[in-house]
Amino acid sequence: MQIIDILGQLVPNVWTALTQLCATALLFFLMYKLAWKPVKKILDARSEYESSRLSEADRLREENEKLNEEAKASIGEAQQQAQQILEDARTAGEQLKEEIAKEGRKQAEKMRADADKDIEKQRNKMLDQMQEEIVDTAVAVAEKILQSKVDAKQDRDNIDTFVKEVVKK
């Protein structure tokens, strides 16, 4: 009997096994209906959300690359414009420098011409004064000679006296 007892314990009861199988099937069915579908829905929603985020990230990355290229192009253009502005400023500076130098030369020439005119005026004035003095001197000499026309020695003495008077002035 011991073998039957051992055999009875080793081999399950058919009704018990069938009941356990039905209970397990019912649990799987309930788990499928109540847990699996909502969990699958949540997982699908999460997967869709992550997928949309990845596609959005790809779109943003492409947009970022496009903006970077535009920025590089803008920077290159700005550098060219800056170079052009510098070149224009340099050219304008050179022109201004030349104009200032030209104006300075004009003013210097004008000042020189004015100075030459003043010098010429002063020279003419001095010549006129010298001429007047020479005339006055000649008249004075003639008066002296006419007043004391005695002899050659007297004439020489009168001229020496007159020259000494002129030199003193």
C-alpha atoms as a PDB file:
ATOM      1  CA  MET A   1       0.000   0.000   0.000  1.00  0.00           C
ATOM      2  CA  GLN A   2       2.743   2.153   0.363  1.00  0.00           C
ATOM      3  CA  ILE A   3       3.377   2.102  -3.332  1.00  0.00           C
ATOM      4  CA  ILE A   4      -0.186   3.167  -4.001  1.00  0.00           C
ATOM      5  CA  ASP A   5       0.113   5.976  -1.537  1.00  0.00           C
ATOM      6  CA  ILE A   6       3.339   7.135  -3.110  1.00  0.00           C
ATOM      7  CA  LEU A   7       1.800   6.800  -6.530  1.00  0.00           C
ATOM      8  CA  GLY A   8      -1.226   8.681  -5.377  1.00  0.00           C
ATOM      9  CA  GLN A   9       0.899  11.462  -4.129  1.00  0.00           C
ATOM     10  CA  LEU A  10       3.016  11.570  -7.271  1.00  0.00           C
ATOM     11  CA  VAL A  11       0.164  11.557  -9.768  1.00  0.00           C
ATOM     12  CA  PRO A  12      -2.202  14.416  -9.229  1.00  0.00           C
ATOM     13  CA  ASN A  13      -5.894  14.079  -9.179  1.00  0.00           C
ATOM     14  CA  VAL A  14      -7.393  14.788 -12.620  1.00  0.00           C
ATOM     15  CA  TRP A  15     -10.133  16.963 -11.240  1.00  0.00           C
ATOM     16  CA  THR A  16      -7.701  18.964  -9.199  1.00  0.00           C
ATOM     17  CA  ALA A  17      -5.373  19.397 -12.165  1.00  0.00           C
ATOM     18  CA  LEU A  18      -8.299  20.395 -14.385  1.00  0.00           C
ATOM     19  CA  THR A  19      -9.515  22.917 -11.813  1.00  0.00           C
ATOM     20  CA  GLN A  20      -6.056  24.382 -11.479  1.00  0.00           C
ATOM     21  CA  LEU A  21      -5.728  24.619 -15.245  1.00  0.00           C
ATOM     22  CA  CYS A  22      -9.095  26.400 -15.483  1.00  0.00           C
ATOM     23  CA  ALA A  23      -8.134  28.728 -12.659  1.00  0.00           C
ATOM     24  CA  THR A  24      -4.801  29.480 -14.343  1.00  0.00           C
ATOM     25  CA  ALA A  25      -6.519  30.064 -17.709  1.00  0.00           C
ATOM     26  CA  LEU A  26      -9.058  32.347 -16.005  1.00  0.00           C
ATOM     27  CA  LEU A  27      -6.193  34.255 -14.323  1.00  0.00           C
ATOM     28  CA  PHE A  28      -4.366  34.619 -17.667  1.00  0.00           C
ATOM     29  CA  PHE A  29      -7.582  35.781 -19.358  1.00  0.00           C
ATOM     30  CA  LEU A  30      -8.281  38.329 -16.610  1.00  0.00           C
ATOM     31  CA  MET A  31      -4.662  39.488 -16.623  1.00  0.00           C
ATOM     32  CA  TYR A  32      -4.815  39.824 -20.403  1.00  0.00           C
ATOM     33  CA  LYS A  33      -8.075  41.795 -20.337  1.00  0.00           C
ATOM     34  CA  LEU A  34      -7.507  43.858 -17.199  1.00  0.00           C
ATOM     35  CA  ALA A  35      -3.738  44.353 -17.087  1.00  0.00           C
ATOM     36  CA  TRP A  36      -2.120  43.503 -20.425  1.00  0.00           C
ATOM     37  CA  LYS A  37      -4.280  45.721 -22.650  1.00  0.00           C
ATOM     38  CA  PRO A  38      -3.959  48.840 -20.432  1.00  0.00           C
ATOM     39  CA  VAL A  39      -0.244  48.221 -19.926  1.00  0.00           C
ATOM     40  CA  LYS A  40       0.195  47.641 -23.687  1.00  0.00           C
ATOM     41  CA  LYS A  41      -1.752  50.849 -24.333  1.00  0.00           C
ATOM     42  CA  ILE A  42       0.505  52.734 -21.920  1.00  0.00           C
ATOM     43  CA  LEU A  43       3.604  51.174 -23.489  1.00  0.00           C
ATOM     44  CA  ASP A  44       2.367  51.997 -27.018  1.00  0.00           C
ATOM     45  CA  ALA A  45       1.596  55.568 -25.968  1.00  0.00           C
ATOM     46  CA  ARG A  46       5.037  55.851 -24.377  1.00  0.00           C
ATOM     47  CA  SER A  47       6.650  54.389 -27.485  1.00  0.00           C
ATOM     48  CA  GLU A  48       4.739  56.823 -29.700  1.00  0.00           C
ATOM     49  CA  TYR A  49       5.708  59.720 -27.406  1.00  0.00           C
ATOM     50  CA  GLU A  50       9.385  58.729 -27.503  1.00  0.00           C
ATOM     51  CA  SER A  51       9.216  58.273 -31.260  1.00  0.00           C
ATOM     52  CA  SER A  52       7.692  61.729 -31.682  1.00  0.00           C
ATOM     53  CA  ARG A  53      10.380  63.185 -29.409  1.00  0.00           C
ATOM     54  CA  LEU A  54      13.095  61.494 -31.471  1.00  0.00           C
ATOM     55  CA  SER A  55      11.622  62.803 -34.708  1.00  0.00           C
ATOM     56  CA  GLU A  56      11.308  66.262 -33.123  1.00  0.00           C
ATOM     57  CA  ALA A  57      14.945  66.028 -32.001  1.00  0.00           C
ATOM     58  CA  ASP A  58      15.977  65.052 -35.540  1.00  0.00           C
ATOM     59  CA  ARG A  59      13.968  67.957 -36.952  1.00  0.00           C
ATOM     60  CA  LEU A  60      15.538  70.351 -34.445  1.00  0.00           C
ATOM     61  CA  ARG A  61      19.005  68.999 -35.204  1.00  0.00           C
ATOM     62  CA  GLU A  62      18.468  69.533 -38.933  1.00  0.00           C
ATOM     63  CA  GLU A  63      17.081  73.000 -38.267  1.00  0.00           C
ATOM     64  CA  ASN A  64      20.074  73.735 -36.041  1.00  0.00           C
ATOM     65  CA  GLU A  65      22.478  72.596 -38.768  1.00  0.00           C
ATOM     66  CA  LYS A  66      20.642  74.777 -41.285  1.00  0.00           C
ATOM     67  CA  LEU A  67      20.809  77.759 -38.914  1.00  0.00           C
ATOM     68  CA  ASN A  68      24.520  77.089 -38.323  1.00  0.00           C
ATOM     69  CA  GLU A  69      25.149  77.124 -42.065  1.00  0.00           C
ATOM     70  CA  GLU A  70      23.162  80.353 -42.406  1.00  0.00           C
ATOM     71  CA  ALA A  71      25.077  81.844 -39.483  1.00  0.00           C
ATOM     72  CA  LYS A  72      28.409  80.847 -41.060  1.00  0.00           C
ATOM     73  CA  ALA A  73      27.288  82.413 -44.340  1.00  0.00           C
ATOM     74  CA  SER A  74      26.184  85.560 -42.494  1.00  0.00           C
ATOM     75  CA  ILE A  75      29.481  85.705 -40.624  1.00  0.00           C
ATOM     76  CA  GLY A  76      31.391  85.338 -43.886  1.00  0.00           C
ATOM     77  CA  GLU A  77      29.289  88.056 -45.470  1.00  0.00           C
ATOM     78  CA  ALA A  78      29.752  90.282 -42.418  1.00  0.00           C
ATOM     79  CA  GLN A  79      33.516  89.758 -42.591  1.00  0.00           C
ATOM     80  CA  GLN A  80      33.500  90.704 -46.263  1.00  0.00           C
ATOM     81  CA  GLN A  81      31.440  93.792 -45.471  1.00  0.00           C
ATOM     82  CA  ALA A  82      33.802  94.669 -42.624  1.00  0.00           C
ATOM     83  CA  GLN A  83      36.789  94.301 -44.967  1.00  0.00           C
ATOM     84  CA  GLN A  84      35.031  96.487 -47.537  1.00  0.00           C
ATOM     85  CA  ILE A  85      34.215  99.097 -44.882  1.00  0.00           C
ATOM     86  CA  LEU A  86      37.833  99.072 -43.697  1.00  0.00           C
ATOM     87  CA  GLU A  87      39.078  99.419 -47.254  1.00  0.00           C
ATOM     88  CA  ASP A  88      36.619 102.264 -47.918  1.00  0.00           C
ATOM     89  CA  ALA A  89      37.670 103.981 -44.687  1.00  0.00           C
ATOM     90  CA  ARG A  90      41.333 103.558 -45.580  1.00  0.00           C
ATOM     91  CA  THR A  91      40.701 105.004 -49.048  1.00  0.00           C
ATOM     92  CA  ALA A  92      38.660 107.871 -47.602  1.00  0.00           C
ATOM     93  CA  GLY A  93      41.418 108.526 -45.058  1.00  0.00           C
ATOM     94  CA  GLU A  94      44.040 108.635 -47.799  1.00  0.00           C
ATOM     95  CA  GLN A  95      41.881 110.998 -49.843  1.00  0.00           C
ATOM     96  CA  LEU A  96      41.285 113.201 -46.814  1.00  0.00           C
ATOM     97  CA  LYS A  97      45.010 113.180 -46.074  1.00  0.00           C
ATOM     98  CA  GLU A  98      45.772 114.196 -49.655  1.00  0.00           C
ATOM     99  CA  GLU A  99      43.114 116.916 -49.582  1.00  0.00           C
ATOM    100  CA  ILE A 100      44.444 118.289 -46.285  1.00  0.00           C
ATOM    101  CA  ALA A 101      48.001 118.245 -47.630  1.00  0.00           C
ATOM    102  CA  LYS A 102      46.852 119.915 -50.850  1.00  0.00           C
ATOM    103  CA  GLU A 103      44.963 122.552 -48.869  1.00  0.00           C
ATOM    104  CA  GLY A 104      48.022 123.069 -46.656  1.00  0.00           C
ATOM    105  CA  ARG A 105      50.218 123.528 -49.738  1.00  0.00           C
ATOM    106  CA  LYS A 106      47.689 125.998 -51.162  1.00  0.00           C
ATOM    107  CA  GLN A 107      47.654 127.957 -47.922  1.00  0.00           C
ATOM    108  CA  ALA A 108      51.457 127.889 -47.730  1.00  0.00           C
ATOM    109  CA  GLU A 109      51.712 129.107 -51.318  1.00  0.00           C
ATOM    110  CA  LYS A 110      49.165 131.842 -50.598  1.00  0.00           C
ATOM    111  CA  MET A 111      51.051 132.851 -47.461  1.00  0.00           C
ATOM    112  CA  ARG A 112      54.318 132.858 -49.440  1.00  0.00           C
ATOM    113  CA  ALA A 113      52.702 134.947 -52.194  1.00  0.00           C
ATOM    114  CA  ASP A 114      51.307 137.344 -49.582  1.00  0.00           C
ATOM    115  CA  ALA A 115      54.718 137.512 -47.912  1.00  0.00           C
ATOM    116  CA  ASP A 116      56.356 138.119 -51.297  1.00  0.00           C
ATOM    117  CA  LYS A 117      53.842 140.895 -51.970  1.00  0.00           C
ATOM    118  CA  ASP A 118      54.534 142.416 -48.548  1.00  0.00           C
ATOM    119  CA  ILE A 119      58.283 142.166 -49.113  1.00  0.00           C
ATOM    120  CA  GLU A 120      57.913 143.751 -52.533  1.00  0.00           C
ATOM    121  CA  LYS A 121      55.733 146.487 -51.046  1.00  0.00           C
ATOM    122  CA  GLN A 122      58.274 147.121 -48.257  1.00  0.00           C
ATOM    123  CA  ARG A 123      61.111 147.076 -50.809  1.00  0.00           C
ATOM    124  CA  ASN A 124      59.287 149.570 -53.030  1.00  0.00           C
ATOM    125  CA  LYS A 125      58.535 151.720 -49.995  1.00  0.00           C
ATOM    126  CA  MET A 126      62.183 151.612 -48.952  1.00  0.00           C
ATOM    127  CA  LEU A 127      63.292 152.399 -52.498  1.00  0.00           C
ATOM    128  CA  ASP A 128      60.877 155.335 -52.549  1.00  0.00           C
ATOM    129  CA  GLN A 129      62.225 156.523 -49.205  1.00  0.00           C
ATOM    130  CA  MET A 130      65.802 156.066 -50.390  1.00  0.00           C
ATOM    131  CA  GLN A 131      65.004 157.946 -53.560  1.00  0.00           C
ATOM    132  CA  GLU A 132      63.454 160.769 -51.538  1.00  0.00           C
ATOM    133  CA  GLU A 133      66.485 160.823 -49.255  1.00  0.00           C
ATOM    134  CA  ILE A 134      68.837 160.813 -52.257  1.00  0.00           C
ATOM    135  CA  VAL A 135      66.874 163.672 -53.800  1.00  0.00           C
ATOM    136  CA  ASP A 136      66.884 165.529 -50.480  1.00  0.00           C
ATOM    137  CA  THR A 137      70.583 164.805 -50.152  1.00  0.00           C
ATOM    138  CA  ALA A 138      71.299 165.945 -53.685  1.00  0.00           C
ATOM    139  CA  VAL A 139      69.305 169.122 -53.099  1.00  0.00           C
ATOM    140  CA  ALA A 140      71.122 169.707 -49.808  1.00  0.00           C
ATOM    141  CA  VAL A 141      74.483 169.067 -51.483  1.00  0.00           C
ATOM    142  CA  ALA A 142      73.561 171.413 -54.313  1.00  0.00           C
ATOM    143  CA  GLU A 143      72.538 174.095 -51.800  1.00  0.00           C
ATOM    144  CA  LYS A 144      75.784 173.700 -49.884  1.00  0.00           C
ATOM    145  CA  ILE A 145      77.834 173.792 -53.048  1.00  0.00           C
ATOM    146  CA  LEU A 146      75.990 176.856 -54.364  1.00  0.00           C
ATOM    147  CA  GLN A 147      76.287 178.706 -51.054  1.00  0.00           C
ATOM    148  CA  SER A 148      79.969 178.210 -50.714  1.00  0.00           C
ATOM    149  CA  LYS A 149      81.332 177.958 -54.245  1.00  0.00           C
ATOM    150  CA  VAL A 150      84.811 179.185 -53.588  1.00  0.00           C
ATOM    151  CA  ASP A 151      87.291 176.590 -54.679  1.00  0.00           C
ATOM    152  CA  ALA A 152      87.884 172.839 -55.122  1.00  0.00           C
ATOM    153  CA  LYS A 153      89.348 172.448 -51.668  1.00  0.00           C
ATOM    154  CA  GLN A 154      86.317 174.108 -50.147  1.00  0.00           C
ATOM    155  CA  ASP A 155      84.024 171.818 -52.260  1.00  0.00           C
ATOM    156  CA  ARG A 156      85.828 168.733 -50.991  1.00  0.00           C
ATOM    157  CA  ASP A 157      85.533 169.892 -47.380  1.00  0.00           C
ATOM    158  CA  ASN A 158      81.807 170.613 -47.828  1.00  0.00           C
ATOM    159  CA  ILE A 159      81.183 167.121 -49.313  1.00  0.00           C
ATOM    160  CA  ASP A 160      83.117 165.451 -46.473  1.00  0.00           C
ATOM    161  CA  THR A 161      81.073 167.388 -43.926  1.00  0.00           C
ATOM    162  CA  PHE A 162      77.839 166.500 -45.656  1.00  0.00           C
ATOM    163  CA  VAL A 163      78.741 162.776 -45.832  1.00  0.00           C
ATOM    164  CA  LYS A 164      79.561 162.826 -42.106  1.00  0.00           C
ATOM    165  CA  GLU A 165      76.173 164.420 -41.370  1.00  0.00           C
ATOM    166  CA  VAL A 166      74.348 161.803 -43.498  1.00  0.00           C
ATOM    167  CA  VAL A 167      76.222 158.961 -41.833  1.00  0.00           C
ATOM    168  CA  LYS A 168      75.266 160.291 -38.395  1.00  0.00           C
ATOM    169  CA  LYS A 169      71.586 160.227 -39.341  1.00  0.00           C
END
